[in-house]
């Protein structure tokens, strides 16, 4: 995949992350197949629920992670995730890594690492031979005098 598309798709994931009402961490993901977006997701409550992700400063157990949200949307459509890639603003947790593997996604692009203390999915994804690539954007600042 060309670098310009990687950056564009990661920008999309970051924009969808902004739709999350989570106060602790806003995460976005998009699933891409044949260079087209087939699903989007961000962390939040299940459809039809109130959109409060935290209670007394702690995440509610019902909160769907961005990756799970995007994958389940594909499951409800005529698409499938086989040989697709996922762009995530953060490295998936272990639970999402398992869902990614089971769905047939072949590569994970991510921007930020996930806290090892919270159970990163990186070792699991590597063990499953799912490609991982961290996407960086090098910003150039223009200084005008």
C-alpha atoms as a PDB file:
ATOM      1  CA  UNK A   1       0.000   0.000   0.000  1.00  0.00           C
ATOM      2  CA  UNK A   2       1.316   3.427  -0.904  1.00  0.00           C
ATOM      3  CA  UNK A   3       2.454   5.644   1.953  1.00  0.00           C
ATOM      4  CA  UNK A   4      -0.017   8.396   1.043  1.00  0.00           C
ATOM      5  CA  UNK A   5      -2.916   5.940   1.422  1.00  0.00           C
ATOM      6  CA  UNK A   6      -1.601   4.664   4.754  1.00  0.00           C
ATOM      7  CA  UNK A   7      -1.521   8.226   6.053  1.00  0.00           C
ATOM      8  CA  UNK A   8      -4.964   9.029   4.636  1.00  0.00           C
ATOM      9  CA  UNK A   9      -6.550   5.919   6.167  1.00  0.00           C
ATOM     10  CA  UNK A  10      -4.883   6.611   9.533  1.00  0.00           C
ATOM     11  CA  UNK A  11      -6.196  10.186   9.365  1.00  0.00           C
ATOM     12  CA  UNK A  12      -9.685   8.703   8.870  1.00  0.00           C
ATOM     13  CA  UNK A  13      -9.259   6.454  11.911  1.00  0.00           C
ATOM     14  CA  UNK A  14      -8.187   9.468  13.961  1.00  0.00           C
ATOM     15  CA  UNK A  15     -11.222  11.460  12.829  1.00  0.00           C
ATOM     16  CA  UNK A  16     -13.589   8.638  13.782  1.00  0.00           C
ATOM     17  CA  UNK A  17     -11.881   8.391  17.178  1.00  0.00           C
ATOM     18  CA  UNK A  18     -13.068  11.943  17.816  1.00  0.00           C
ATOM     19  CA  UNK A  19     -16.677  10.701  17.651  1.00  0.00           C
ATOM     20  CA  UNK A  20     -16.151   8.637  20.800  1.00  0.00           C
ATOM     21  CA  UNK A  21     -17.625  10.068  23.984  1.00  0.00           C
ATOM     22  CA  UNK A  22     -15.003   8.274  26.091  1.00  0.00           C
ATOM     23  CA  UNK A  23     -13.166  10.621  28.416  1.00  0.00           C
ATOM     24  CA  UNK A  24     -10.116   8.420  29.122  1.00  0.00           C
ATOM     25  CA  UNK A  25      -9.095   7.371  25.629  1.00  0.00           C
ATOM     26  CA  UNK A  26     -10.723   7.905  22.251  1.00  0.00           C
ATOM     27  CA  UNK A  27      -9.890   5.139  19.777  1.00  0.00           C
ATOM     28  CA  UNK A  28     -10.862   4.837  16.131  1.00  0.00           C
ATOM     29  CA  UNK A  29     -10.440   2.115  13.538  1.00  0.00           C
ATOM     30  CA  UNK A  30     -11.274   1.519   9.913  1.00  0.00           C
ATOM     31  CA  UNK A  31     -11.206  -1.698   7.915  1.00  0.00           C
ATOM     32  CA  UNK A  32      -9.887  -1.463   4.367  1.00  0.00           C
ATOM     33  CA  UNK A  33     -10.196  -4.062   1.621  1.00  0.00           C
ATOM     34  CA  UNK A  34      -8.909  -3.564  -1.919  1.00  0.00           C
ATOM     35  CA  UNK A  35      -8.051   0.057  -1.042  1.00  0.00           C
ATOM     36  CA  UNK A  36     -11.606   0.950  -0.011  1.00  0.00           C
ATOM     37  CA  UNK A  37     -13.091   1.436   3.427  1.00  0.00           C
ATOM     38  CA  UNK A  38     -15.584  -1.313   4.269  1.00  0.00           C
ATOM     39  CA  UNK A  39     -16.202  -0.439   7.925  1.00  0.00           C
ATOM     40  CA  UNK A  40     -15.460   2.080  10.650  1.00  0.00           C
ATOM     41  CA  UNK A  41     -15.542   1.894  14.415  1.00  0.00           C
ATOM     42  CA  UNK A  42     -14.799   3.886  17.522  1.00  0.00           C
ATOM     43  CA  UNK A  43     -15.015   3.000  21.179  1.00  0.00           C
ATOM     44  CA  UNK A  44     -18.432   3.535  22.682  1.00  0.00           C
ATOM     45  CA  UNK A  45     -21.574   1.954  24.001  1.00  0.00           C
ATOM     46  CA  UNK A  46     -23.611  -0.560  21.959  1.00  0.00           C
ATOM     47  CA  UNK A  47     -26.188   0.888  19.543  1.00  0.00           C
ATOM     48  CA  UNK A  48     -29.296   2.122  21.313  1.00  0.00           C
ATOM     49  CA  UNK A  49     -27.609   2.505  24.721  1.00  0.00           C
ATOM     50  CA  UNK A  50     -26.868   5.794  26.448  1.00  0.00           C
ATOM     51  CA  UNK A  51     -23.533   7.076  25.257  1.00  0.00           C
ATOM     52  CA  UNK A  52     -21.796   7.366  28.633  1.00  0.00           C
ATOM     53  CA  UNK A  53     -18.623   5.269  28.457  1.00  0.00           C
ATOM     54  CA  UNK A  54     -17.501   5.815  32.045  1.00  0.00           C
ATOM     55  CA  UNK A  55     -19.112   5.645  35.453  1.00  0.00           C
ATOM     56  CA  UNK A  56     -17.331   7.173  38.429  1.00  0.00           C
ATOM     57  CA  UNK A  57     -14.154   7.489  36.375  1.00  0.00           C
ATOM     58  CA  UNK A  58     -14.033   3.855  35.258  1.00  0.00           C
ATOM     59  CA  UNK A  59     -14.922   2.434  31.850  1.00  0.00           C
ATOM     60  CA  UNK A  60     -18.205   0.565  31.818  1.00  0.00           C
ATOM     61  CA  UNK A  61     -17.862  -3.144  30.988  1.00  0.00           C
ATOM     62  CA  UNK A  62     -20.386  -2.746  28.146  1.00  0.00           C
ATOM     63  CA  UNK A  63     -18.107  -0.399  26.150  1.00  0.00           C
ATOM     64  CA  UNK A  64     -17.236  -1.760  22.708  1.00  0.00           C
ATOM     65  CA  UNK A  65     -13.681  -1.201  21.548  1.00  0.00           C
ATOM     66  CA  UNK A  66     -13.206   0.471  18.165  1.00  0.00           C
ATOM     67  CA  UNK A  67     -11.838  -2.675  16.512  1.00  0.00           C
ATOM     68  CA  UNK A  68     -14.692  -4.883  17.743  1.00  0.00           C
ATOM     69  CA  UNK A  69     -17.183  -2.233  16.677  1.00  0.00           C
ATOM     70  CA  UNK A  70     -15.782  -2.112  13.122  1.00  0.00           C
ATOM     71  CA  UNK A  71     -15.568  -5.907  12.772  1.00  0.00           C
ATOM     72  CA  UNK A  72     -19.110  -6.513  14.015  1.00  0.00           C
ATOM     73  CA  UNK A  73     -20.404  -3.943  11.520  1.00  0.00           C
ATOM     74  CA  UNK A  74     -18.782  -5.975   8.736  1.00  0.00           C
ATOM     75  CA  UNK A  75     -20.439  -9.115  10.104  1.00  0.00           C
ATOM     76  CA  UNK A  76     -23.839  -7.438   9.676  1.00  0.00           C
ATOM     77  CA  UNK A  77     -23.133  -6.489   6.063  1.00  0.00           C
ATOM     78  CA  UNK A  78     -22.549  -8.347   2.815  1.00  0.00           C
ATOM     79  CA  UNK A  79     -18.770  -7.849   3.199  1.00  0.00           C
ATOM     80  CA  UNK A  80     -16.218  -9.978   5.035  1.00  0.00           C
ATOM     81  CA  UNK A  81     -12.839  -9.199   6.577  1.00  0.00           C
ATOM     82  CA  UNK A  82     -10.873 -11.939   4.787  1.00  0.00           C
ATOM     83  CA  UNK A  83      -7.565 -10.467   3.548  1.00  0.00           C
ATOM     84  CA  UNK A  84      -8.494  -6.962   4.667  1.00  0.00           C
ATOM     85  CA  UNK A  85      -6.384  -4.628   6.801  1.00  0.00           C
ATOM     86  CA  UNK A  86      -7.333  -2.564   9.828  1.00  0.00           C
ATOM     87  CA  UNK A  87      -6.098   0.897  10.748  1.00  0.00           C
ATOM     88  CA  UNK A  88      -6.238   1.593  14.495  1.00  0.00           C
ATOM     89  CA  UNK A  89      -5.255   4.708  16.357  1.00  0.00           C
ATOM     90  CA  UNK A  90      -3.841   2.410  19.071  1.00  0.00           C
ATOM     91  CA  UNK A  91      -2.365  -1.090  19.094  1.00  0.00           C
ATOM     92  CA  UNK A  92      -5.307  -3.430  19.796  1.00  0.00           C
ATOM     93  CA  UNK A  93      -5.731  -4.992  23.225  1.00  0.00           C
ATOM     94  CA  UNK A  94      -5.536  -8.778  23.569  1.00  0.00           C
ATOM     95  CA  UNK A  95      -9.329  -9.208  23.314  1.00  0.00           C
ATOM     96  CA  UNK A  96      -9.529  -7.209  20.083  1.00  0.00           C
ATOM     97  CA  UNK A  97      -6.428  -8.994  18.756  1.00  0.00           C
ATOM     98  CA  UNK A  98      -8.264 -12.311  19.085  1.00  0.00           C
ATOM     99  CA  UNK A  99     -11.263 -10.934  17.188  1.00  0.00           C
ATOM    100  CA  UNK A 100      -8.963  -9.515  14.495  1.00  0.00           C
ATOM    101  CA  UNK A 101      -7.329 -12.909  14.037  1.00  0.00           C
ATOM    102  CA  UNK A 102     -10.651 -14.775  13.869  1.00  0.00           C
ATOM    103  CA  UNK A 103     -12.089 -12.292  11.352  1.00  0.00           C
ATOM    104  CA  UNK A 104      -9.403 -12.937   8.722  1.00  0.00           C
ATOM    105  CA  UNK A 105      -7.744  -9.515   8.837  1.00  0.00           C
ATOM    106  CA  UNK A 106      -4.188  -9.913   7.555  1.00  0.00           C
ATOM    107  CA  UNK A 107      -2.484  -6.705   8.710  1.00  0.00           C
ATOM    108  CA  UNK A 108      -2.803  -4.154  11.489  1.00  0.00           C
ATOM    109  CA  UNK A 109      -1.650  -0.581  11.003  1.00  0.00           C
ATOM    110  CA  UNK A 110      -1.503   1.363  14.258  1.00  0.00           C
ATOM    111  CA  UNK A 111      -0.304   4.739  15.448  1.00  0.00           C
ATOM    112  CA  UNK A 112       0.150   4.475  19.222  1.00  0.00           C
ATOM    113  CA  UNK A 113       1.247   1.547  21.338  1.00  0.00           C
ATOM    114  CA  UNK A 114      -1.230   0.185  23.876  1.00  0.00           C
ATOM    115  CA  UNK A 115      -0.246  -0.044  27.532  1.00  0.00           C
ATOM    116  CA  UNK A 116       1.415  -3.399  28.239  1.00  0.00           C
ATOM    117  CA  UNK A 117      -0.113  -3.237  31.713  1.00  0.00           C
ATOM    118  CA  UNK A 118      -3.589  -3.314  30.143  1.00  0.00           C
ATOM    119  CA  UNK A 119      -2.867  -6.358  27.985  1.00  0.00           C
ATOM    120  CA  UNK A 120      -1.557  -5.391  24.562  1.00  0.00           C
ATOM    121  CA  UNK A 121      -2.400  -7.733  21.699  1.00  0.00           C
ATOM    122  CA  UNK A 122       0.962  -7.286  19.955  1.00  0.00           C
ATOM    123  CA  UNK A 123       2.543 -10.631  21.031  1.00  0.00           C
ATOM    124  CA  UNK A 124      -0.620 -12.546  20.115  1.00  0.00           C
ATOM    125  CA  UNK A 125      -0.867 -10.925  16.672  1.00  0.00           C
ATOM    126  CA  UNK A 126       2.821 -11.632  16.017  1.00  0.00           C
ATOM    127  CA  UNK A 127       2.332 -15.272  17.047  1.00  0.00           C
ATOM    128  CA  UNK A 128      -0.567 -15.493  14.570  1.00  0.00           C
ATOM    129  CA  UNK A 129       1.613 -14.094  11.747  1.00  0.00           C
ATOM    130  CA  UNK A 130      -0.535 -11.011  11.349  1.00  0.00           C
ATOM    131  CA  UNK A 131       1.602  -8.199   9.976  1.00  0.00           C
ATOM    132  CA  UNK A 132       1.997  -5.122  12.162  1.00  0.00           C
ATOM    133  CA  UNK A 133       3.076  -1.694  11.004  1.00  0.00           C
ATOM    134  CA  UNK A 134       3.268   1.476  13.030  1.00  0.00           C
ATOM    135  CA  UNK A 135       2.248   4.519  10.989  1.00  0.00           C
ATOM    136  CA  UNK A 136       3.967   7.804  11.704  1.00  0.00           C
ATOM    137  CA  UNK A 137       3.246  11.198  10.262  1.00  0.00           C
ATOM    138  CA  UNK A 138       6.212  13.476  10.023  1.00  0.00           C
ATOM    139  CA  UNK A 139       4.861  16.969  10.302  1.00  0.00           C
ATOM    140  CA  UNK A 140       6.772  19.769   8.691  1.00  0.00           C
ATOM    141  CA  UNK A 141       6.449  23.135  10.271  1.00  0.00           C
ATOM    142  CA  UNK A 142       6.740  26.203   8.127  1.00  0.00           C
ATOM    143  CA  UNK A 143       8.149  29.228   9.838  1.00  0.00           C
ATOM    144  CA  UNK A 144       7.390  32.565   8.246  1.00  0.00           C
ATOM    145  CA  UNK A 145       9.489  35.594   8.988  1.00  0.00           C
END
